[in-house]
Amino acid sequence: MTFRITEECTNCNACVALCPNDAIEKGIDMPVLIPEKCTHCEGVFDEPQCVEICPVDCIVETED
């Protein structure tokens, strides 16, 4: 399982600074999630912080 940022993203970048693994970077139109760096915040937080902070719920878990 991995996360992806959907097109509903408003480019607020709240998730960028919050990620403890630097797995989300600022992009041109919206943040870019780097799946290889993402650990779903396991061992650091109970819930993925990007999902918790997103004001439009555009970070979703996928089977990829």
N, C-alpha and C. Protein backbone atom coordinates (compact mmCIF):
# COMPACT_ATOMS: atom_id res chain seq x y z
N MET A 1 0.84 -1.18 0.00
CA MET A 1 0.00 0.00 0.00
C MET A 1 0.89 1.25 0.00
N THR A 2 0.42 2.21 -0.72
CA THR A 2 1.12 3.49 -0.76
C THR A 2 0.08 4.60 -0.82
N PHE A 3 0.53 5.81 -0.67
CA PHE A 3 -0.37 6.96 -0.77
C PHE A 3 -0.13 7.66 -2.09
N ARG A 4 -1.14 8.38 -2.53
CA ARG A 4 -0.99 9.26 -3.67
C ARG A 4 -1.81 10.52 -3.41
N ILE A 5 -1.42 11.59 -4.04
CA ILE A 5 -2.12 12.85 -3.91
C ILE A 5 -2.99 13.02 -5.16
N THR A 6 -4.28 13.20 -4.94
CA THR A 6 -5.21 13.29 -6.07
C THR A 6 -5.28 14.72 -6.62
N GLU A 7 -5.95 14.84 -7.74
CA GLU A 7 -6.06 16.13 -8.42
C GLU A 7 -6.92 17.15 -7.65
N GLU A 8 -7.59 16.71 -6.60
CA GLU A 8 -8.37 17.64 -5.79
C GLU A 8 -7.48 18.53 -4.92
N CYS A 9 -6.19 18.25 -4.90
CA CYS A 9 -5.23 19.01 -4.09
C CYS A 9 -5.31 20.50 -4.42
N THR A 10 -5.32 21.32 -3.38
CA THR A 10 -5.38 22.77 -3.55
C THR A 10 -4.01 23.42 -3.48
N ASN A 11 -2.96 22.61 -3.39
CA ASN A 11 -1.59 23.08 -3.34
C ASN A 11 -1.32 23.95 -2.11
N CYS A 12 -1.94 23.60 -0.99
CA CYS A 12 -1.70 24.36 0.24
C CYS A 12 -0.35 24.01 0.86
N ASN A 13 0.21 22.86 0.49
CA ASN A 13 1.52 22.39 0.95
C ASN A 13 1.60 22.13 2.45
N ALA A 14 0.48 21.97 3.13
CA ALA A 14 0.49 21.67 4.56
C ALA A 14 1.20 20.35 4.84
N CYS A 15 1.08 19.42 3.93
CA CYS A 15 1.66 18.09 4.11
C CYS A 15 3.18 18.08 3.94
N VAL A 16 3.72 19.03 3.20
CA VAL A 16 5.15 19.04 2.88
C VAL A 16 5.99 19.14 4.15
N ALA A 17 5.76 20.15 4.95
CA ALA A 17 6.57 20.37 6.16
C ALA A 17 6.27 19.35 7.25
N LEU A 18 5.09 18.76 7.21
CA LEU A 18 4.66 17.85 8.26
C LEU A 18 5.25 16.45 8.14
N CYS A 19 5.65 16.04 6.96
CA CYS A 19 6.13 14.67 6.73
C CYS A 19 7.46 14.43 7.44
N PRO A 20 7.51 13.45 8.36
CA PRO A 20 8.74 13.19 9.10
C PRO A 20 9.83 12.52 8.26
N ASN A 21 9.48 12.03 7.07
CA ASN A 21 10.45 11.33 6.22
C ASN A 21 10.83 12.12 4.98
N ASP A 22 10.38 13.36 4.89
CA ASP A 22 10.62 14.16 3.68
C ASP A 22 10.16 13.43 2.43
N ALA A 23 9.05 12.72 2.54
CA ALA A 23 8.52 11.95 1.42
C ALA A 23 7.58 12.77 0.55
N ILE A 24 7.33 14.02 0.93
CA ILE A 24 6.47 14.89 0.13
C ILE A 24 7.25 16.17 -0.15
N GLU A 25 7.34 16.51 -1.42
CA GLU A 25 8.07 17.70 -1.83
C GLU A 25 7.13 18.66 -2.55
N LYS A 26 7.47 19.95 -2.51
CA LYS A 26 6.69 20.93 -3.25
C LYS A 26 6.83 20.64 -4.73
N GLY A 27 5.72 20.71 -5.42
CA GLY A 27 5.71 20.55 -6.86
C GLY A 27 5.23 21.83 -7.51
N ILE A 28 5.13 21.83 -8.82
CA ILE A 28 4.67 23.02 -9.53
C ILE A 28 3.18 23.24 -9.32
N ASP A 29 2.37 22.21 -9.58
CA ASP A 29 0.92 22.34 -9.45
C ASP A 29 0.38 21.81 -8.13
N MET A 30 1.11 20.86 -7.54
CA MET A 30 0.71 20.27 -6.27
C MET A 30 1.90 19.51 -5.71
N PRO A 31 1.87 19.17 -4.42
CA PRO A 31 2.98 18.42 -3.82
C PRO A 31 3.16 17.07 -4.50
N VAL A 32 4.39 16.59 -4.44
CA VAL A 32 4.74 15.30 -5.04
C VAL A 32 5.11 14.34 -3.92
N LEU A 33 4.46 13.19 -3.88
CA LEU A 33 4.73 12.18 -2.88
C LEU A 33 5.73 11.17 -3.45
N ILE A 34 6.80 10.90 -2.70
CA ILE A 34 7.83 9.96 -3.12
C ILE A 34 7.61 8.65 -2.37
N PRO A 35 6.97 7.67 -3.01
CA PRO A 35 6.57 6.44 -2.33
C PRO A 35 7.73 5.70 -1.64
N GLU A 36 8.91 5.75 -2.22
CA GLU A 36 10.06 5.04 -1.65
C GLU A 36 10.46 5.57 -0.28
N LYS A 37 10.13 6.83 0.00
CA LYS A 37 10.47 7.45 1.29
C LYS A 37 9.35 7.33 2.31
N CYS A 38 8.14 7.06 1.84
CA CYS A 38 6.97 7.04 2.72
C CYS A 38 6.92 5.77 3.57
N THR A 39 6.76 5.95 4.87
CA THR A 39 6.63 4.83 5.80
C THR A 39 5.26 4.81 6.47
N HIS A 40 4.34 5.64 5.99
CA HIS A 40 3.00 5.80 6.58
C HIS A 40 3.12 6.29 8.02
N CYS A 41 4.26 6.88 8.35
CA CYS A 41 4.55 7.43 9.68
C CYS A 41 4.64 6.35 10.76
N GLU A 42 4.78 5.10 10.34
CA GLU A 42 4.88 4.00 11.31
C GLU A 42 6.09 4.19 12.21
N GLY A 43 5.87 3.99 13.50
CA GLY A 43 6.94 4.14 14.47
C GLY A 43 7.15 5.56 14.94
N VAL A 44 6.47 6.51 14.28
CA VAL A 44 6.61 7.92 14.66
C VAL A 44 5.28 8.48 15.14
N PHE A 45 4.22 8.22 14.37
CA PHE A 45 2.88 8.68 14.69
C PHE A 45 1.89 7.53 14.53
N ASP A 46 0.76 7.62 15.20
CA ASP A 46 -0.27 6.59 15.09
C ASP A 46 -0.97 6.61 13.74
N GLU A 47 -1.09 7.78 13.15
CA GLU A 47 -1.77 7.95 11.87
C GLU A 47 -0.83 8.68 10.91
N PRO A 48 -0.95 8.43 9.60
CA PRO A 48 -0.16 9.19 8.62
C PRO A 48 -0.48 10.68 8.74
N GLN A 49 0.52 11.47 8.98
CA GLN A 49 0.31 12.88 9.23
C GLN A 49 -0.19 13.65 8.02
N CYS A 50 0.21 13.25 6.83
CA CYS A 50 -0.27 13.95 5.63
C CYS A 50 -1.78 13.79 5.48
N VAL A 51 -2.28 12.60 5.76
CA VAL A 51 -3.72 12.34 5.67
C VAL A 51 -4.45 13.14 6.75
N GLU A 52 -3.89 13.19 7.93
CA GLU A 52 -4.52 13.91 9.04
C GLU A 52 -4.61 15.41 8.78
N ILE A 53 -3.60 16.02 8.17
CA ILE A 53 -3.55 17.47 8.00
C ILE A 53 -4.27 17.96 6.74
N CYS A 54 -4.46 17.11 5.76
CA CYS A 54 -5.01 17.53 4.48
C CYS A 54 -6.43 18.11 4.63
N PRO A 55 -6.61 19.37 4.26
CA PRO A 55 -7.93 19.99 4.42
C PRO A 55 -8.97 19.54 3.41
N VAL A 56 -8.55 18.91 2.32
CA VAL A 56 -9.51 18.48 1.29
C VAL A 56 -9.52 16.96 1.09
N ASP A 57 -8.87 16.24 1.98
CA ASP A 57 -8.83 14.77 1.93
C ASP A 57 -8.41 14.24 0.56
N CYS A 58 -7.33 14.80 0.03
CA CYS A 58 -6.89 14.39 -1.30
C CYS A 58 -5.70 13.42 -1.26
N ILE A 59 -5.29 12.99 -0.09
CA ILE A 59 -4.23 12.00 0.01
C ILE A 59 -4.89 10.67 0.35
N VAL A 60 -4.79 9.75 -0.61
CA VAL A 60 -5.50 8.49 -0.49
C VAL A 60 -4.53 7.32 -0.57
N GLU A 61 -4.92 6.22 0.05
CA GLU A 61 -4.11 5.01 0.02
C GLU A 61 -4.51 4.21 -1.23
N THR A 62 -3.50 3.66 -1.90
CA THR A 62 -3.74 2.87 -3.11
C THR A 62 -3.06 1.51 -3.00
N GLU A 63 -3.40 0.62 -3.89
CA GLU A 63 -2.82 -0.72 -3.93
C GLU A 63 -1.47 -0.75 -4.64
N ASP A 64 -1.08 0.34 -5.29
CA ASP A 64 0.16 0.37 -6.08
C ASP A 64 1.38 0.04 -5.28
